[in-house]
Amino acid sequence: MTRSRAYDTEVCGVTAAISVIDGKWKTALLWQLESGPHRPGELRRLLPGLSEKVLTNALREMADDGLVHREVYDELPLRTEYSLTPFGRELSTALAPLSDWGHRRLEKLVAAGTVLAH
């Protein structure tokens, strides 16, 4: 899905919402930021496999979409923290039922022997 879909007023609302969280890392970042502000290094440690470049791009897009707030503290060394905006918290709340459905689906697949439990 392209980023332009996030700004297309002629698409379905679900498509517009999914285009904002599209990608491998944005939902994981939302989930981590629900617990409070985090520095970029903390987010990278919490999400193994997430490169600095991808993290920077994802957070920039999420900030552009109004989901996260970037706070730069005027101290040496510079300290930057990211937190959810009220709009980001609203999205996180809206995604909770989808998350619950996903967990129920995975439990069903494990029970059927389709996938292995960790």
PDB file of N, CA and C in Angstrom:
ATOM      1  N   MET A   1       0.859  -1.172   0.000  1.00  0.00           N
ATOM      2  CA  MET A   1       0.000   0.000   0.000  1.00  0.00           C
ATOM      3  C   MET A   1       0.903   1.233   0.000  1.00  0.00           C
ATOM      4  N   THR A   2       0.527   2.217  -0.733  1.00  0.00           N
ATOM      5  CA  THR A   2       1.361   3.407  -0.810  1.00  0.00           C
ATOM      6  C   THR A   2       0.952   4.433   0.241  1.00  0.00           C
ATOM      7  N   ARG A   3       1.913   5.270   0.620  1.00  0.00           N
ATOM      8  CA  ARG A   3       1.642   6.321   1.611  1.00  0.00           C
ATOM      9  C   ARG A   3       0.573   7.280   1.121  1.00  0.00           C
ATOM     10  N   SER A   4       0.448   7.457  -0.191  1.00  0.00           N
ATOM     11  CA  SER A   4      -0.534   8.402  -0.715  1.00  0.00           C
ATOM     12  C   SER A   4      -1.959   7.997  -0.339  1.00  0.00           C
ATOM     13  N   ARG A   5      -2.190   6.702  -0.092  1.00  0.00           N
ATOM     14  CA  ARG A   5      -3.527   6.246   0.306  1.00  0.00           C
ATOM     15  C   ARG A   5      -3.932   6.838   1.650  1.00  0.00           C
ATOM     16  N   ALA A   6      -2.948   7.200   2.476  1.00  0.00           N
ATOM     17  CA  ALA A   6      -3.241   7.776   3.793  1.00  0.00           C
ATOM     18  C   ALA A   6      -3.872   9.156   3.670  1.00  0.00           C
ATOM     19  N   TYR A   7      -3.743   9.773   2.518  1.00  0.00           N
ATOM     20  CA  TYR A   7      -4.252  11.136   2.307  1.00  0.00           C
ATOM     21  C   TYR A   7      -5.348  11.194   1.257  1.00  0.00           C
ATOM     22  N   ASP A   8      -5.753  10.048   0.736  1.00  0.00           N
ATOM     23  CA  ASP A   8      -6.766   9.983  -0.318  1.00  0.00           C
ATOM     24  C   ASP A   8      -8.157   9.977   0.320  1.00  0.00           C
ATOM     25  N   THR A   9      -8.910  11.046   0.112  1.00  0.00           N
ATOM     26  CA  THR A   9     -10.239  11.149   0.726  1.00  0.00           C
ATOM     27  C   THR A   9     -11.280  10.279   0.019  1.00  0.00           C
ATOM     28  N   GLU A  10     -10.898   9.651  -1.085  1.00  0.00           N
ATOM     29  CA  GLU A  10     -11.839   8.826  -1.846  1.00  0.00           C
ATOM     30  C   GLU A  10     -11.713   7.334  -1.542  1.00  0.00           C
ATOM     31  N   VAL A  11     -10.951   6.967  -0.496  1.00  0.00           N
ATOM     32  CA  VAL A  11     -10.805   5.552  -0.164  1.00  0.00           C
ATOM     33  C   VAL A  11     -11.652   5.208   1.051  1.00  0.00           C
ATOM     34  N   CYS A  12     -11.860   3.931   1.242  1.00  0.00           N
ATOM     35  CA  CYS A  12     -12.565   3.413   2.409  1.00  0.00           C
ATOM     36  C   CYS A  12     -11.821   3.845   3.675  1.00  0.00           C
ATOM     37  N   GLY A  13     -12.524   4.104   4.745  1.00  0.00           N
ATOM     38  CA  GLY A  13     -11.910   4.526   5.996  1.00  0.00           C
ATOM     39  C   GLY A  13     -10.928   3.501   6.545  1.00  0.00           C
ATOM     40  N   VAL A  14     -11.238   2.221   6.372  1.00  0.00           N
ATOM     41  CA  VAL A  14     -10.326   1.178   6.844  1.00  0.00           C
ATOM     42  C   VAL A  14      -9.024   1.242   6.055  1.00  0.00           C
ATOM     43  N   THR A  15      -9.112   1.447   4.756  1.00  0.00           N
ATOM     44  CA  THR A  15      -7.915   1.576   3.920  1.00  0.00           C
ATOM     45  C   THR A  15      -7.084   2.771   4.363  1.00  0.00           C
ATOM     46  N   ALA A  16      -7.745   3.894   4.648  1.00  0.00           N
ATOM     47  CA  ALA A  16      -7.035   5.087   5.103  1.00  0.00           C
ATOM     48  C   ALA A  16      -6.337   4.831   6.440  1.00  0.00           C
ATOM     49  N   ALA A  17      -6.992   4.092   7.332  1.00  0.00           N
ATOM     50  CA  ALA A  17      -6.394   3.795   8.624  1.00  0.00           C
ATOM     51  C   ALA A  17      -5.221   2.825   8.482  1.00  0.00           C
ATOM     52  N   ILE A  18      -5.401   1.788   7.693  1.00  0.00           N
ATOM     53  CA  ILE A  18      -4.337   0.798   7.529  1.00  0.00           C
ATOM     54  C   ILE A  18      -3.120   1.406   6.847  1.00  0.00           C
ATOM     55  N   SER A  19      -3.328   2.344   5.944  1.00  0.00           N
ATOM     56  CA  SER A  19      -2.184   2.952   5.264  1.00  0.00           C
ATOM     57  C   SER A  19      -1.299   3.733   6.241  1.00  0.00           C
ATOM     58  N   VAL A  20      -1.865   4.184   7.355  1.00  0.00           N
ATOM     59  CA  VAL A  20      -1.096   4.923   8.359  1.00  0.00           C
ATOM     60  C   VAL A  20      -0.235   3.973   9.195  1.00  0.00           C
ATOM     61  N   ILE A  21      -0.665   2.723   9.361  1.00  0.00           N
ATOM     62  CA  ILE A  21       0.091   1.762  10.176  1.00  0.00           C
ATOM     63  C   ILE A  21       0.716   0.672   9.322  1.00  0.00           C
ATOM     64  N   ASP A  22       0.689   0.852   8.009  1.00  0.00           N
ATOM     65  CA  ASP A  22       1.230  -0.136   7.092  1.00  0.00           C
ATOM     66  C   ASP A  22       2.730  -0.312   7.315  1.00  0.00           C
ATOM     67  N   GLY A  23       3.196  -1.502   7.166  1.00  0.00           N
ATOM     68  CA  GLY A  23       4.614  -1.791   7.326  1.00  0.00           C
ATOM     69  C   GLY A  23       4.839  -2.735   8.489  1.00  0.00           C
ATOM     70  N   LYS A  24       6.049  -3.217   8.587  1.00  0.00           N
ATOM     71  CA  LYS A  24       6.380  -4.236   9.579  1.00  0.00           C
ATOM     72  C   LYS A  24       6.457  -3.700  11.001  1.00  0.00           C
ATOM     73  N   TRP A  25       6.819  -2.434  11.186  1.00  0.00           N
ATOM     74  CA  TRP A  25       7.196  -1.956  12.509  1.00  0.00           C
ATOM     75  C   TRP A  25       6.227  -0.977  13.179  1.00  0.00           C
ATOM     76  N   LYS A  26       5.343  -0.352  12.438  1.00  0.00           N
ATOM     77  CA  LYS A  26       4.537   0.725  13.038  1.00  0.00           C
ATOM     78  C   LYS A  26       3.603   0.241  14.143  1.00  0.00           C
ATOM     79  N   THR A  27       2.971  -0.910  13.962  1.00  0.00           N
ATOM     80  CA  THR A  27       2.087  -1.384  15.032  1.00  0.00           C
ATOM     81  C   THR A  27       2.902  -1.774  16.261  1.00  0.00           C
ATOM     82  N   ALA A  28       4.097  -2.342  16.053  1.00  0.00           N
ATOM     83  CA  ALA A  28       4.962  -2.679  17.184  1.00  0.00           C
ATOM     84  C   ALA A  28       5.420  -1.412  17.901  1.00  0.00           C
ATOM     85  N   LEU A  29       5.706  -0.364  17.152  1.00  0.00           N
ATOM     86  CA  LEU A  29       6.092   0.912  17.761  1.00  0.00           C
ATOM     87  C   LEU A  29       4.928   1.505  18.554  1.00  0.00           C
ATOM     88  N   LEU A  30       3.728   1.453  17.997  1.00  0.00           N
ATOM     89  CA  LEU A  30       2.544   1.928  18.734  1.00  0.00           C
ATOM     90  C   LEU A  30       2.419   1.170  20.049  1.00  0.00           C
ATOM     91  N   TRP A  31       2.572  -0.129  19.989  1.00  0.00           N
ATOM     92  CA  TRP A  31       2.435  -0.975  21.174  1.00  0.00           C
ATOM     93  C   TRP A  31       3.472  -0.605  22.228  1.00  0.00           C
ATOM     94  N   GLN A  32       4.718  -0.393  21.813  1.00  0.00           N
ATOM     95  CA  GLN A  32       5.759  -0.018  22.764  1.00  0.00           C
ATOM     96  C   GLN A  32       5.506   1.371  23.357  1.00  0.00           C
ATOM     97  N   LEU A  33       5.052   2.296  22.536  1.00  0.00           N
ATOM     98  CA  LEU A  33       4.844   3.669  23.005  1.00  0.00           C
ATOM     99  C   LEU A  33       3.611   3.809  23.894  1.00  0.00           C
ATOM    100  N   GLU A  34       2.743   2.795  23.908  1.00  0.00           N
ATOM    101  CA  GLU A  34       1.585   2.834  24.810  1.00  0.00           C
ATOM    102  C   GLU A  34       2.019   2.906  26.269  1.00  0.00           C
ATOM    103  N   SER A  35       3.182   2.333  26.581  1.00  0.00           N
ATOM    104  CA  SER A  35       3.642   2.297  27.975  1.00  0.00           C
ATOM    105  C   SER A  35       4.284   3.612  28.412  1.00  0.00           C
ATOM    106  N   GLY A  36       4.487   4.538  27.478  1.00  0.00           N
ATOM    107  CA  GLY A  36       5.071   5.824  27.827  1.00  0.00           C
ATOM    108  C   GLY A  36       6.158   6.218  26.845  1.00  0.00           C
ATOM    109  N   PRO A  37       6.758   7.387  27.056  1.00  0.00           N
ATOM    110  CA  PRO A  37       7.793   7.881  26.145  1.00  0.00           C
ATOM    111  C   PRO A  37       9.010   6.964  26.113  1.00  0.00           C
ATOM    112  N   HIS A  38       9.618   6.886  24.947  1.00  0.00           N
ATOM    113  CA  HIS A  38      10.831   6.086  24.770  1.00  0.00           C
ATOM    114  C   HIS A  38      11.818   6.846  23.905  1.00  0.00           C
ATOM    115  N   ARG A  39      13.075   6.622  24.191  1.00  0.00           N
ATOM    116  CA  ARG A  39      14.141   7.146  23.351  1.00  0.00           C
ATOM    117  C   ARG A  39      14.340   6.179  22.187  1.00  0.00           C
ATOM    118  N   PRO A  40      14.869   6.666  21.065  1.00  0.00           N
ATOM    119  CA  PRO A  40      15.066   5.786  19.895  1.00  0.00           C
ATOM    120  C   PRO A  40      15.904   4.544  20.203  1.00  0.00           C
ATOM    121  N   GLY A  41      16.959   4.691  20.986  1.00  0.00           N
ATOM    122  CA  GLY A  41      17.789   3.543  21.334  1.00  0.00           C
ATOM    123  C   GLY A  41      17.026   2.486  22.113  1.00  0.00           C
ATOM    124  N   GLU A  42      16.130   2.942  23.001  1.00  0.00           N
ATOM    125  CA  GLU A  42      15.300   2.004  23.758  1.00  0.00           C
ATOM    126  C   GLU A  42      14.388   1.222  22.821  1.00  0.00           C
ATOM    127  N   LEU A  43      13.798   1.929  21.868  1.00  0.00           N
ATOM    128  CA  LEU A  43      12.892   1.279  20.919  1.00  0.00           C
ATOM    129  C   LEU A  43      13.636   0.229  20.093  1.00  0.00           C
ATOM    130  N   ARG A  44      14.853   0.543  19.688  1.00  0.00           N
ATOM    131  CA  ARG A  44      15.636  -0.428  18.916  1.00  0.00           C
ATOM    132  C   ARG A  44      15.956  -1.662  19.752  1.00  0.00           C
ATOM    133  N   ARG A  45      16.258  -1.483  21.037  1.00  0.00           N
ATOM    134  CA  ARG A  45      16.537  -2.635  21.907  1.00  0.00           C
ATOM    135  C   ARG A  45      15.275  -3.468  22.142  1.00  0.00           C
ATOM    136  N   LEU A  46      14.137  -2.801  22.246  1.00  0.00           N
ATOM    137  CA  LEU A  46      12.880  -3.510  22.480  1.00  0.00           C
ATOM    138  C   LEU A  46      12.385  -4.254  21.247  1.00  0.00           C
ATOM    139  N   LEU A  47      12.836  -3.834  20.077  1.00  0.00           N
ATOM    140  CA  LEU A  47      12.377  -4.428  18.813  1.00  0.00           C
ATOM    141  C   LEU A  47      13.581  -4.928  18.004  1.00  0.00           C
ATOM    142  N   PRO A  48      14.116  -6.085  18.378  1.00  0.00           N
ATOM    143  CA  PRO A  48      15.282  -6.616  17.663  1.00  0.00           C
ATOM    144  C   PRO A  48      14.985  -6.760  16.167  1.00  0.00           C
ATOM    145  N   GLY A  49      15.970  -6.396  15.374  1.00  0.00           N
ATOM    146  CA  GLY A  49      15.815  -6.476  13.921  1.00  0.00           C
ATOM    147  C   GLY A  49      15.428  -5.151  13.295  1.00  0.00           C
ATOM    148  N   LEU A  50      15.044  -4.196  14.113  1.00  0.00           N
ATOM    149  CA  LEU A  50      14.656  -2.875  13.623  1.00  0.00           C
ATOM    150  C   LEU A  50      15.915  -2.025  13.448  1.00  0.00           C
ATOM    151  N   SER A  51      16.196  -1.636  12.221  1.00  0.00           N
ATOM    152  CA  SER A  51      17.391  -0.826  11.966  1.00  0.00           C
ATOM    153  C   SER A  51      17.136   0.632  12.322  1.00  0.00           C
ATOM    154  N   GLU A  52      18.218   1.360  12.525  1.00  0.00           N
ATOM    155  CA  GLU A  52      18.101   2.781  12.860  1.00  0.00           C
ATOM    156  C   GLU A  52      17.411   3.550  11.743  1.00  0.00           C
ATOM    157  N   LYS A  53      17.741   3.235  10.500  1.00  0.00           N
ATOM    158  CA  LYS A  53      17.148   3.932   9.357  1.00  0.00           C
ATOM    159  C   LYS A  53      15.644   3.692   9.287  1.00  0.00           C
ATOM    160  N   VAL A  54      15.235   2.439   9.423  1.00  0.00           N
ATOM    161  CA  VAL A  54      13.811   2.109   9.359  1.00  0.00           C
ATOM    162  C   VAL A  54      13.069   2.733  10.538  1.00  0.00           C
ATOM    163  N   LEU A  55      13.684   2.697  11.723  1.00  0.00           N
ATOM    164  CA  LEU A  55      13.072   3.325  12.902  1.00  0.00           C
ATOM    165  C   LEU A  55      12.864   4.814  12.663  1.00  0.00           C
ATOM    166  N   THR A  56      13.890   5.482  12.177  1.00  0.00           N
ATOM    167  CA  THR A  56      13.804   6.923  11.921  1.00  0.00           C
ATOM    168  C   THR A  56      12.704   7.232  10.915  1.00  0.00           C
ATOM    169  N   ASN A  57      12.648   6.468   9.830  1.00  0.00           N
ATOM    170  CA  ASN A  57      11.618   6.706   8.812  1.00  0.00           C
ATOM    171  C   ASN A  57      10.221   6.444   9.355  1.00  0.00           C
ATOM    172  N   ALA A  58      10.054   5.351  10.103  1.00  0.00           N
ATOM    173  CA  ALA A  58       8.742   5.016  10.655  1.00  0.00           C
ATOM    174  C   ALA A  58       8.279   6.086  11.642  1.00  0.00           C
ATOM    175  N   LEU A  59       9.171   6.509  12.535  1.00  0.00           N
ATOM    176  CA  LEU A  59       8.790   7.541  13.508  1.00  0.00           C
ATOM    177  C   LEU A  59       8.492   8.867  12.824  1.00  0.00           C
ATOM    178  N   ARG A  60       9.244   9.195  11.783  1.00  0.00           N
ATOM    179  CA  ARG A  60       8.987  10.436  11.037  1.00  0.00           C
ATOM    180  C   ARG A  60       7.602  10.388  10.384  1.00  0.00           C
ATOM    181  N   GLU A  61       7.275   9.257   9.746  1.00  0.00           N
ATOM    182  CA  GLU A  61       5.955   9.123   9.120  1.00  0.00           C
ATOM    183  C   GLU A  61       4.851   9.164  10.172  1.00  0.00           C
ATOM    184  N   MET A  62       5.073   8.504  11.311  1.00  0.00           N
ATOM    185  CA  MET A  62       4.064   8.498  12.361  1.00  0.00           C
ATOM    186  C   MET A  62       3.877   9.896  12.952  1.00  0.00           C
ATOM    187  N   ALA A  63       4.953  10.656  13.032  1.00  0.00           N
ATOM    188  CA  ALA A  63       4.846  12.046  13.501  1.00  0.00           C
ATOM    189  C   ALA A  63       4.093  12.882  12.463  1.00  0.00           C
ATOM    190  N   ASP A  64       4.407  12.687  11.186  1.00  0.00           N
ATOM    191  CA  ASP A  64       3.701  13.411  10.124  1.00  0.00           C
ATOM    192  C   ASP A  64       2.205  13.102  10.129  1.00  0.00           C
ATOM    193  N   ASP A  65       1.858  11.869  10.515  1.00  0.00           N
ATOM    194  CA  ASP A  65       0.455  11.461  10.568  1.00  0.00           C
ATOM    195  C   ASP A  65      -0.219  11.828  11.883  1.00  0.00           C
ATOM    196  N   GLY A  66       0.529  12.481  12.783  1.00  0.00           N
ATOM    197  CA  GLY A  66      -0.047  12.940  14.045  1.00  0.00           C
ATOM    198  C   GLY A  66      -0.172  11.872  15.103  1.00  0.00           C
ATOM    199  N   LEU A  67       0.526  10.746  14.947  1.00  0.00           N
ATOM    200  CA  LEU A  67       0.408   9.650  15.903  1.00  0.00           C
ATOM    201  C   LEU A  67       1.411   9.750  17.046  1.00  0.00           C
ATOM    202  N   VAL A  68       2.594  10.279  16.764  1.00  0.00           N
ATOM    203  CA  VAL A  68       3.617  10.391  17.795  1.00  0.00           C
ATOM    204  C   VAL A  68       4.124  11.822  17.886  1.00  0.00           C
ATOM    205  N   HIS A  69       4.620  12.141  19.070  1.00  0.00           N
ATOM    206  CA  HIS A  69       5.216  13.450  19.333  1.00  0.00           C
ATOM    207  C   HIS A  69       6.704  13.240  19.563  1.00  0.00           C
ATOM    208  N   ARG A  70       7.513  14.084  18.945  1.00  0.00           N
ATOM    209  CA  ARG A  70       8.966  14.028  19.109  1.00  0.00           C
ATOM    210  C   ARG A  70       9.377  15.195  20.006  1.00  0.00           C
ATOM    211  N   GLU A  71       9.997  14.857  21.132  1.00  0.00           N
ATOM    212  CA  GLU A  71      10.455  15.874  22.080  1.00  0.00           C
ATOM    213  C   GLU A  71      11.976  15.837  22.126  1.00  0.00           C
ATOM    214  N   VAL A  72      12.600  16.979  21.806  1.00  0.00           N
ATOM    215  CA  VAL A  72      14.056  17.092  21.877  1.00  0.00           C
ATOM    216  C   VAL A  72      14.381  17.968  23.080  1.00  0.00           C
ATOM    217  N   TYR A  73      15.164  17.419  24.003  1.00  0.00           N
ATOM    218  CA  TYR A  73      15.534  18.136  25.209  1.00  0.00           C
ATOM    219  C   TYR A  73      16.839  18.888  24.973  1.00  0.00           C
ATOM    220  N   ASP A  74      16.871  20.132  25.401  1.00  0.00           N
ATOM    221  CA  ASP A  74      18.025  20.998  25.194  1.00  0.00           C
ATOM    222  C   ASP A  74      19.061  20.746  26.291  1.00  0.00           C
ATOM    223  N   GLU A  75      19.759  19.648  26.122  1.00  0.00           N
ATOM    224  CA  GLU A  75      20.797  19.276  27.065  1.00  0.00           C
ATOM    225  C   GLU A  75      21.876  18.523  26.296  1.00  0.00           C
ATOM    226  N   LEU A  76      23.041  18.421  26.891  1.00  0.00           N
ATOM    227  CA  LEU A  76      24.139  17.701  26.242  1.00  0.00           C
ATOM    228  C   LEU A  76      24.410  16.417  27.007  1.00  0.00           C
ATOM    229  N   PRO A  77      24.494  15.304  26.340  1.00  0.00           N
ATOM    230  CA  PRO A  77      24.186  15.133  24.927  1.00  0.00           C
ATOM    231  C   PRO A  77      22.679  15.294  24.689  1.00  0.00           C
ATOM    232  N   LEU A  78      22.325  15.636  23.446  1.00  0.00           N
ATOM    233  CA  LEU A  78      20.922  15.820  23.110  1.00  0.00           C
ATOM    234  C   LEU A  78      20.138  14.546  23.426  1.00  0.00           C
ATOM    235  N   ARG A  79      18.958  14.741  23.938  1.00  0.00           N
ATOM    236  CA  ARG A  79      18.091  13.615  24.270  1.00  0.00           C
ATOM    237  C   ARG A  79      16.779  13.807  23.528  1.00  0.00           C
ATOM    238  N   THR A  80      16.355  12.772  22.824  1.00  0.00           N
ATOM    239  CA  THR A  80      15.106  12.797  22.075  1.00  0.00           C
ATOM    240  C   THR A  80      14.207  11.686  22.595  1.00  0.00           C
ATOM    241  N   GLU A  81      12.934  12.006  22.808  1.00  0.00           N
ATOM    242  CA  GLU A  81      11.959  11.008  23.226  1.00  0.00           C
ATOM    243  C   GLU A  81      10.748  11.077  22.316  1.00  0.00           C
ATOM    244  N   TYR A  82      10.152   9.926  22.110  1.00  0.00           N
ATOM    245  CA  TYR A  82       8.925   9.837  21.329  1.00  0.00           C
ATOM    246  C   TYR A  82       7.810   9.333  22.232  1.00  0.00           C
ATOM    247  N   SER A  83       6.626   9.902  22.059  1.00  0.00           N
ATOM    248  CA  SER A  83       5.460   9.486  22.826  1.00  0.00           C
ATOM    249  C   SER A  83       4.243   9.530  21.923  1.00  0.00           C
ATOM    250  N   LEU A  84       3.206   8.826  22.332  1.00  0.00           N
ATOM    251  CA  LEU A  84       1.961   8.854  21.568  1.00  0.00           C
ATOM    252  C   LEU A  84       1.231  10.174  21.805  1.00  0.00           C
ATOM    253  N   THR A  85       0.661  10.696  20.752  1.00  0.00           N
ATOM    254  CA  THR A  85      -0.222  11.853  20.864  1.00  0.00           C
ATOM    255  C   THR A  85      -1.606  11.339  21.258  1.00  0.00           C
ATOM    256  N   PRO A  86      -2.519  12.214  21.628  1.00  0.00           N
ATOM    257  CA  PRO A  86      -3.889  11.754  21.876  1.00  0.00           C
ATOM    258  C   PRO A  86      -4.475  11.028  20.651  1.00  0.00           C
ATOM    259  N   PHE A  87      -4.142  11.499  19.455  1.00  0.00           N
ATOM    260  CA  PHE A  87      -4.617  10.858  18.227  1.00  0.00           C
ATOM    261  C   PHE A  87      -4.012   9.461  18.089  1.00  0.00           C
ATOM    262  N   GLY A  88      -2.737   9.309  18.463  1.00  0.00           N
ATOM    263  CA  GLY A  88      -2.088   8.001  18.441  1.00  0.00           C
ATOM    264  C   GLY A  88      -2.701   7.051  19.448  1.00  0.00           C
ATOM    265  N   ARG A  89      -3.039   7.580  20.637  1.00  0.00           N
ATOM    266  CA  ARG A  89      -3.705   6.748  21.655  1.00  0.00           C
ATOM    267  C   ARG A  89      -5.082   6.314  21.172  1.00  0.00           C
ATOM    268  N   GLU A  90      -5.764   7.219  20.471  1.00  0.00           N
ATOM    269  CA  GLU A  90      -7.080   6.884  19.912  1.00  0.00           C
ATOM    270  C   GLU A  90      -6.953   5.731  18.913  1.00  0.00           C
ATOM    271  N   LEU A  91      -5.930   5.783  18.062  1.00  0.00           N
ATOM    272  CA  LEU A  91      -5.696   4.699  17.102  1.00  0.00           C
ATOM    273  C   LEU A  91      -5.379   3.406  17.842  1.00  0.00           C
ATOM    274  N   SER A  92      -4.545   3.478  18.849  1.00  0.00           N
ATOM    275  CA  SER A  92      -4.185   2.300  19.623  1.00  0.00           C
ATOM    276  C   SER A  92      -5.429   1.664  20.252  1.00  0.00           C
ATOM    277  N   THR A  93      -6.304   2.473  20.787  1.00  0.00           N
ATOM    278  CA  THR A  93      -7.558   1.985  21.362  1.00  0.00           C
ATOM    279  C   THR A  93      -8.427   1.337  20.288  1.00  0.00           C
ATOM    280  N   ALA A  94      -8.469   1.959  19.119  1.00  0.00           N
ATOM    281  CA  ALA A  94      -9.268   1.409  18.018  1.00  0.00           C
ATOM    282  C   ALA A  94      -8.709   0.069  17.532  1.00  0.00           C
ATOM    283  N   LEU A  95      -7.397  -0.113  17.635  1.00  0.00           N
ATOM    284  CA  LEU A  95      -6.775  -1.352  17.178  1.00  0.00           C
ATOM    285  C   LEU A  95      -6.886  -2.488  18.195  1.00  0.00           C
ATOM    286  N   ALA A  96      -7.223  -2.186  19.444  1.00  0.00           N
ATOM    287  CA  ALA A  96      -7.282  -3.215  20.493  1.00  0.00           C
ATOM    288  C   ALA A  96      -8.209  -4.376  20.125  1.00  0.00           C
ATOM    289  N   PRO A  97      -9.431  -4.134  19.618  1.00  0.00           N
ATOM    290  CA  PRO A  97     -10.270  -5.273  19.233  1.00  0.00           C
ATOM    291  C   PRO A  97      -9.664  -6.096  18.090  1.00  0.00           C
ATOM    292  N   LEU A  98      -8.970  -5.455  17.178  1.00  0.00           N
ATOM    293  CA  LEU A  98      -8.312  -6.181  16.098  1.00  0.00           C
ATOM    294  C   LEU A  98      -7.189  -7.047  16.665  1.00  0.00           C
ATOM    295  N   SER A  99      -6.457  -6.517  17.633  1.00  0.00           N
ATOM    296  CA  SER A  99      -5.407  -7.282  18.308  1.00  0.00           C
ATOM    297  C   SER A  99      -5.998  -8.500  19.009  1.00  0.00           C
ATOM    298  N   ASP A 100      -7.103  -8.307  19.709  1.00  0.00           N
ATOM    299  CA  ASP A 100      -7.767  -9.419  20.387  1.00  0.00           C
ATOM    300  C   ASP A 100      -8.181 -10.489  19.387  1.00  0.00           C
ATOM    301  N   TRP A 101      -8.735 -10.067  18.260  1.00  0.00           N
ATOM    302  CA  TRP A 101      -9.136 -11.007  17.212  1.00  0.00           C
ATOM    303  C   TRP A 101      -7.924 -11.776  16.700  1.00  0.00           C
ATOM    304  N   GLY A 102      -6.819 -11.071  16.498  1.00  0.00           N
ATOM    305  CA  GLY A 102      -5.601 -11.722  16.023  1.00  0.00           C
ATOM    306  C   GLY A 102      -5.104 -12.783  16.993  1.00  0.00           C
ATOM    307  N   HIS A 103      -5.145 -12.485  18.287  1.00  0.00           N
ATOM    308  CA  HIS A 103      -4.726 -13.474  19.285  1.00  0.00           C
ATOM    309  C   HIS A 103      -5.661 -14.684  19.285  1.00  0.00           C
ATOM    310  N   ARG A 104      -6.974 -14.447  19.168  1.00  0.00           N
ATOM    311  CA  ARG A 104      -7.920 -15.561  19.103  1.00  0.00           C
ATOM    312  C   ARG A 104      -7.658 -16.422  17.867  1.00  0.00           C
ATOM    313  N   ARG A 105      -7.342 -15.783  16.749  1.00  0.00           N
ATOM    314  CA  ARG A 105      -7.038 -16.514  15.516  1.00  0.00           C
ATOM    315  C   ARG A 105      -5.805 -17.390  15.716  1.00  0.00           C
ATOM    316  N   LEU A 106      -4.751 -16.827  16.308  1.00  0.00           N
ATOM    317  CA  LEU A 106      -3.535 -17.598  16.538  1.00  0.00           C
ATOM    318  C   LEU A 106      -3.793 -18.774  17.480  1.00  0.00           C
ATOM    319  N   GLU A 107      -4.588 -18.546  18.525  1.00  0.00           N
ATOM    320  CA  GLU A 107      -4.930 -19.639  19.441  1.00  0.00           C
ATOM    321  C   GLU A 107      -5.679 -20.742  18.698  1.00  0.00           C
ATOM    322  N   LYS A 108      -6.567 -20.357  17.817  1.00  0.00           N
ATOM    323  CA  LYS A 108      -7.326 -21.324  17.017  1.00  0.00           C
ATOM    324  C   LYS A 108      -6.387 -22.129  16.111  1.00  0.00           C
ATOM    325  N   LEU A 109      -5.417 -21.453  15.497  1.00  0.00           N
ATOM    326  CA  LEU A 109      -4.461 -22.136  14.631  1.00  0.00           C
ATOM    327  C   LEU A 109      -3.578 -23.097  15.417  1.00  0.00           C
ATOM    328  N   VAL A 110      -3.159 -22.676  16.612  1.00  0.00           N
ATOM    329  CA  VAL A 110      -2.356 -23.558  17.467  1.00  0.00           C
ATOM    330  C   VAL A 110      -3.168 -24.784  17.860  1.00  0.00           C
ATOM    331  N   ALA A 111      -4.424 -24.566  18.262  1.00  0.00           N
ATOM    332  CA  ALA A 111      -5.285 -25.680  18.665  1.00  0.00           C
ATOM    333  C   ALA A 111      -5.507 -26.646  17.519  1.00  0.00           C
ATOM    334  N   ALA A 112      -5.568 -26.151  16.302  1.00  0.00           N
ATOM    335  CA  ALA A 112      -5.779 -27.015  15.131  1.00  0.00           C
ATOM    336  C   ALA A 112      -4.476 -27.660  14.653  1.00  0.00           C
ATOM    337  N   GLY A 113      -3.348 -27.248  15.258  1.00  0.00           N
ATOM    338  CA  GLY A 113      -2.065 -27.796  14.848  1.00  0.00           C
ATOM    339  C   GLY A 113      -1.520 -27.184  13.566  1.00  0.00           C
ATOM    340  N   THR A 114      -2.122 -26.074  13.131  1.00  0.00           N
ATOM    341  CA  THR A 114      -1.675 -25.403  11.898  1.00  0.00           C
ATOM    342  C   THR A 114      -0.360 -24.689  12.102  1.00  0.00           C
ATOM    343  N   VAL A 115      -0.167 -24.111  13.291  1.00  0.00           N
ATOM    344  CA  VAL A 115       1.094 -23.450  13.631  1.00  0.00           C
ATOM    345  C   VAL A 115       1.559 -23.952  14.983  1.00  0.00           C
ATOM    346  N   LEU A 116       2.838 -23.851  15.243  1.00  0.00           N
ATOM    347  CA  LEU A 116       3.397 -24.275  16.512  1.00  0.00           C
ATOM    348  C   LEU A 116       3.427 -23.128  17.498  1.00  0.00           C
ATOM    349  N   ALA A 117       3.082 -23.390  18.738  1.00  0.00           N
ATOM    350  CA  ALA A 117       3.155 -22.390  19.802  1.00  0.00           C
ATOM    351  C   ALA A 117       4.619 -22.214  20.188  1.00  0.00           C
ATOM    352  N   HIS A 118       4.985 -21.019  20.594  1.00  0.00           N
ATOM    353  CA  HIS A 118       6.376 -20.755  21.032  1.00  0.00           C
ATOM    354  C   HIS A 118       6.545 -21.096  22.472  1.00  0.00           C
TER     355      HIS A 118
END
